[in-house]
Amino acid sequence: MRFNEFMQLGYDEFLMKLNSIPESEPLYKIIKSRSLDVNKIKDKEERKYWRELKELNRIPDIYLPNEELDRELKDKVKKEGITNVK
């Protein structure tokens, strides 16, 4: 799937694609580690494993001013040659 096709996906289509990722793919564990409530896991070792993965795959807290985000996005759009951005 090309980038432009991906950007045209609706929310439901995106969720279907996301949920169809096989468990054998590394991305599956990354997504699961971010969304899993480790406090509900009873097994101590398994809880430790998922806590470590959750921390490893955590999305960093990066805060940028809106103007800087706009500038970076515009630069990326120019660089990638994307033309249908509103």
N, C-alpha and C. Protein backbone atom coordinates (compact mmCIF):
# COMPACT_ATOMS: atom_id res chain seq x y z
N MET A 1 0.85 -1.17 0.00
CA MET A 1 0.00 0.00 0.00
C MET A 1 0.90 1.24 0.00
N ARG A 2 0.57 2.15 -0.86
CA ARG A 2 1.34 3.39 -0.97
C ARG A 2 0.88 4.38 0.08
N PHE A 3 1.73 5.35 0.36
CA PHE A 3 1.46 6.35 1.40
C PHE A 3 0.15 7.09 1.13
N ASN A 4 -0.05 7.54 -0.10
CA ASN A 4 -1.27 8.30 -0.42
C ASN A 4 -2.53 7.45 -0.22
N GLU A 5 -2.44 6.16 -0.58
CA GLU A 5 -3.58 5.26 -0.36
C GLU A 5 -3.84 5.09 1.14
N PHE A 6 -2.76 4.95 1.90
CA PHE A 6 -2.88 4.80 3.34
C PHE A 6 -3.54 6.03 3.97
N MET A 7 -3.16 7.21 3.50
CA MET A 7 -3.71 8.44 4.06
C MET A 7 -5.19 8.62 3.73
N GLN A 8 -5.69 7.91 2.75
CA GLN A 8 -7.10 8.01 2.36
C GLN A 8 -7.98 7.01 3.11
N LEU A 9 -7.37 6.12 3.90
CA LEU A 9 -8.15 5.13 4.64
C LEU A 9 -9.07 5.81 5.65
N GLY A 10 -10.26 5.28 5.78
CA GLY A 10 -11.15 5.72 6.84
C GLY A 10 -10.72 5.08 8.16
N TYR A 11 -11.28 5.56 9.25
CA TYR A 11 -10.92 5.05 10.57
C TYR A 11 -11.20 3.55 10.70
N ASP A 12 -12.38 3.13 10.24
CA ASP A 12 -12.74 1.71 10.35
C ASP A 12 -11.81 0.84 9.51
N GLU A 13 -11.46 1.29 8.31
CA GLU A 13 -10.53 0.53 7.46
C GLU A 13 -9.16 0.44 8.12
N PHE A 14 -8.72 1.55 8.73
CA PHE A 14 -7.44 1.56 9.41
C PHE A 14 -7.44 0.55 10.57
N LEU A 15 -8.49 0.56 11.38
CA LEU A 15 -8.58 -0.39 12.49
C LEU A 15 -8.58 -1.83 12.01
N MET A 16 -9.27 -2.10 10.90
CA MET A 16 -9.29 -3.46 10.35
C MET A 16 -7.87 -3.89 9.97
N LYS A 17 -7.13 -3.00 9.32
CA LYS A 17 -5.76 -3.33 8.93
C LYS A 17 -4.88 -3.53 10.16
N LEU A 18 -5.05 -2.65 11.15
CA LEU A 18 -4.27 -2.73 12.38
C LEU A 18 -4.55 -4.04 13.12
N ASN A 19 -5.81 -4.42 13.18
CA ASN A 19 -6.20 -5.65 13.88
C ASN A 19 -5.86 -6.91 13.11
N SER A 20 -5.49 -6.78 11.85
CA SER A 20 -5.16 -7.97 11.05
C SER A 20 -3.66 -8.26 11.05
N ILE A 21 -2.90 -7.51 11.82
CA ILE A 21 -1.45 -7.76 11.90
C ILE A 21 -1.24 -9.10 12.61
N PRO A 22 -0.53 -10.03 12.00
CA PRO A 22 -0.31 -11.35 12.62
C PRO A 22 0.54 -11.24 13.89
N GLU A 23 0.27 -12.14 14.84
CA GLU A 23 1.02 -12.15 16.10
C GLU A 23 2.51 -12.39 15.88
N SER A 24 2.87 -12.97 14.76
CA SER A 24 4.28 -13.26 14.48
C SER A 24 5.06 -12.01 14.08
N GLU A 25 4.37 -10.93 13.76
CA GLU A 25 5.04 -9.69 13.35
C GLU A 25 5.49 -8.89 14.57
N PRO A 26 6.70 -8.32 14.54
CA PRO A 26 7.17 -7.50 15.68
C PRO A 26 6.24 -6.32 16.00
N LEU A 27 5.61 -5.76 14.98
CA LEU A 27 4.70 -4.63 15.21
C LEU A 27 3.53 -5.02 16.11
N TYR A 28 3.11 -6.26 16.04
CA TYR A 28 2.01 -6.74 16.88
C TYR A 28 2.35 -6.57 18.36
N LYS A 29 3.56 -7.00 18.75
CA LYS A 29 3.96 -6.88 20.16
C LYS A 29 4.13 -5.42 20.58
N ILE A 30 4.58 -4.59 19.67
CA ILE A 30 4.73 -3.17 19.99
C ILE A 30 3.36 -2.56 20.29
N ILE A 31 2.39 -2.82 19.42
CA ILE A 31 1.04 -2.29 19.62
C ILE A 31 0.43 -2.86 20.89
N LYS A 32 0.57 -4.16 21.08
CA LYS A 32 0.01 -4.80 22.27
C LYS A 32 0.64 -4.23 23.54
N SER A 33 1.95 -4.03 23.53
CA SER A 33 2.62 -3.53 24.73
C SER A 33 2.16 -2.12 25.09
N ARG A 34 1.82 -1.34 24.08
CA ARG A 34 1.36 0.03 24.34
C ARG A 34 -0.07 0.07 24.86
N SER A 35 -0.88 -0.91 24.49
CA SER A 35 -2.30 -0.85 24.84
C SER A 35 -2.68 -1.78 25.98
N LEU A 36 -1.81 -2.67 26.36
CA LEU A 36 -2.10 -3.67 27.38
C LEU A 36 -2.09 -3.07 28.78
N ASP A 37 -3.06 -3.44 29.61
CA ASP A 37 -3.08 -3.04 31.02
C ASP A 37 -2.33 -4.11 31.80
N VAL A 38 -1.06 -3.84 32.08
CA VAL A 38 -0.20 -4.85 32.73
C VAL A 38 -0.67 -5.18 34.14
N ASN A 39 -1.42 -4.30 34.77
CA ASN A 39 -1.90 -4.56 36.13
C ASN A 39 -2.92 -5.69 36.17
N LYS A 40 -3.50 -6.04 35.04
CA LYS A 40 -4.49 -7.12 34.99
C LYS A 40 -3.83 -8.48 34.77
N ILE A 41 -2.52 -8.51 34.56
CA ILE A 41 -1.80 -9.77 34.34
C ILE A 41 -1.43 -10.36 35.70
N LYS A 42 -1.85 -11.58 35.94
CA LYS A 42 -1.63 -12.21 37.25
C LYS A 42 -0.23 -12.79 37.40
N ASP A 43 0.29 -13.37 36.34
CA ASP A 43 1.61 -13.99 36.40
C ASP A 43 2.70 -12.93 36.53
N LYS A 44 3.50 -13.05 37.57
CA LYS A 44 4.53 -12.05 37.89
C LYS A 44 5.55 -11.87 36.77
N GLU A 45 6.04 -12.97 36.24
CA GLU A 45 7.06 -12.91 35.18
C GLU A 45 6.49 -12.33 33.89
N GLU A 46 5.28 -12.73 33.56
CA GLU A 46 4.65 -12.20 32.35
C GLU A 46 4.39 -10.70 32.51
N ARG A 47 3.94 -10.29 33.69
CA ARG A 47 3.70 -8.86 33.95
C ARG A 47 5.00 -8.07 33.81
N LYS A 48 6.09 -8.63 34.35
CA LYS A 48 7.40 -7.98 34.25
C LYS A 48 7.82 -7.84 32.78
N TYR A 49 7.62 -8.92 32.01
CA TYR A 49 7.97 -8.92 30.59
C TYR A 49 7.23 -7.81 29.86
N TRP A 50 5.90 -7.71 30.08
CA TRP A 50 5.10 -6.71 29.36
C TRP A 50 5.40 -5.29 29.86
N ARG A 51 5.72 -5.14 31.14
CA ARG A 51 6.11 -3.81 31.64
C ARG A 51 7.37 -3.33 30.95
N GLU A 52 8.34 -4.23 30.83
CA GLU A 52 9.59 -3.87 30.16
C GLU A 52 9.36 -3.52 28.69
N LEU A 53 8.53 -4.31 28.02
CA LEU A 53 8.21 -4.01 26.61
C LEU A 53 7.46 -2.69 26.49
N LYS A 54 6.55 -2.44 27.42
CA LYS A 54 5.76 -1.21 27.41
C LYS A 54 6.70 0.00 27.52
N GLU A 55 7.67 -0.09 28.41
CA GLU A 55 8.62 1.01 28.59
C GLU A 55 9.52 1.15 27.36
N LEU A 56 9.95 0.03 26.82
CA LEU A 56 10.81 0.04 25.64
C LEU A 56 10.11 0.65 24.43
N ASN A 57 8.82 0.37 24.28
CA ASN A 57 8.05 0.83 23.12
C ASN A 57 7.24 2.09 23.39
N ARG A 58 7.51 2.73 24.50
CA ARG A 58 6.77 3.93 24.88
C ARG A 58 6.99 5.04 23.86
N ILE A 59 5.92 5.76 23.55
CA ILE A 59 6.05 6.92 22.68
C ILE A 59 6.61 8.06 23.52
N PRO A 60 7.74 8.63 23.12
CA PRO A 60 8.35 9.67 23.95
C PRO A 60 7.46 10.90 24.07
N ASP A 61 7.55 11.54 25.21
CA ASP A 61 6.81 12.78 25.45
C ASP A 61 7.60 13.94 24.86
N ILE A 62 7.22 14.35 23.67
CA ILE A 62 7.89 15.45 23.00
C ILE A 62 6.84 16.52 22.75
N TYR A 63 7.11 17.68 23.26
CA TYR A 63 6.17 18.78 23.09
C TYR A 63 6.83 19.88 22.27
N LEU A 64 6.21 20.21 21.17
CA LEU A 64 6.72 21.26 20.30
C LEU A 64 5.63 22.31 20.12
N PRO A 65 6.02 23.56 19.99
CA PRO A 65 5.02 24.60 19.70
C PRO A 65 4.35 24.33 18.36
N ASN A 66 3.10 24.74 18.22
CA ASN A 66 2.36 24.52 16.97
C ASN A 66 3.08 25.06 15.75
N GLU A 67 3.71 26.22 15.90
CA GLU A 67 4.42 26.82 14.77
C GLU A 67 5.55 25.91 14.29
N GLU A 68 6.25 25.31 15.25
CA GLU A 68 7.36 24.42 14.89
C GLU A 68 6.83 23.14 14.23
N LEU A 69 5.74 22.61 14.75
CA LEU A 69 5.13 21.43 14.13
C LEU A 69 4.68 21.74 12.71
N ASP A 70 4.02 22.88 12.51
CA ASP A 70 3.57 23.29 11.17
C ASP A 70 4.75 23.40 10.22
N ARG A 71 5.84 24.01 10.67
CA ARG A 71 7.02 24.19 9.83
C ARG A 71 7.62 22.84 9.44
N GLU A 72 7.73 21.93 10.43
CA GLU A 72 8.29 20.60 10.15
C GLU A 72 7.41 19.82 9.18
N LEU A 73 6.09 19.89 9.38
CA LEU A 73 5.19 19.18 8.47
C LEU A 73 5.27 19.74 7.06
N LYS A 74 5.30 21.06 6.93
CA LYS A 74 5.40 21.68 5.60
C LYS A 74 6.70 21.28 4.91
N ASP A 75 7.80 21.26 5.68
CA ASP A 75 9.09 20.85 5.11
C ASP A 75 9.04 19.40 4.64
N LYS A 76 8.42 18.53 5.45
CA LYS A 76 8.32 17.12 5.09
C LYS A 76 7.45 16.94 3.84
N VAL A 77 6.36 17.68 3.77
CA VAL A 77 5.48 17.61 2.60
C VAL A 77 6.24 18.02 1.34
N LYS A 78 7.01 19.11 1.43
CA LYS A 78 7.81 19.55 0.28
C LYS A 78 8.82 18.48 -0.11
N LYS A 79 9.51 17.93 0.89
CA LYS A 79 10.55 16.93 0.66
C LYS A 79 9.97 15.67 0.01
N GLU A 80 8.80 15.22 0.50
CA GLU A 80 8.18 13.98 0.01
C GLU A 80 7.42 14.21 -1.29
N GLY A 81 7.16 15.45 -1.64
CA GLY A 81 6.44 15.73 -2.88
C GLY A 81 4.96 15.45 -2.80
N ILE A 82 4.40 15.53 -1.60
CA ILE A 82 2.97 15.29 -1.40
C ILE A 82 2.22 16.56 -1.83
N THR A 83 1.21 16.37 -2.68
CA THR A 83 0.54 17.55 -3.23
C THR A 83 -0.91 17.72 -2.78
N ASN A 84 -1.54 16.69 -2.23
CA ASN A 84 -2.95 16.80 -1.90
C ASN A 84 -3.21 17.04 -0.41
N VAL A 85 -2.36 17.83 0.25
CA VAL A 85 -2.52 18.14 1.66
C VAL A 85 -3.26 19.46 1.79
N LYS A 86 -4.26 19.46 2.67
CA LYS A 86 -5.05 20.67 2.85
C LYS A 86 -4.65 21.41 4.09
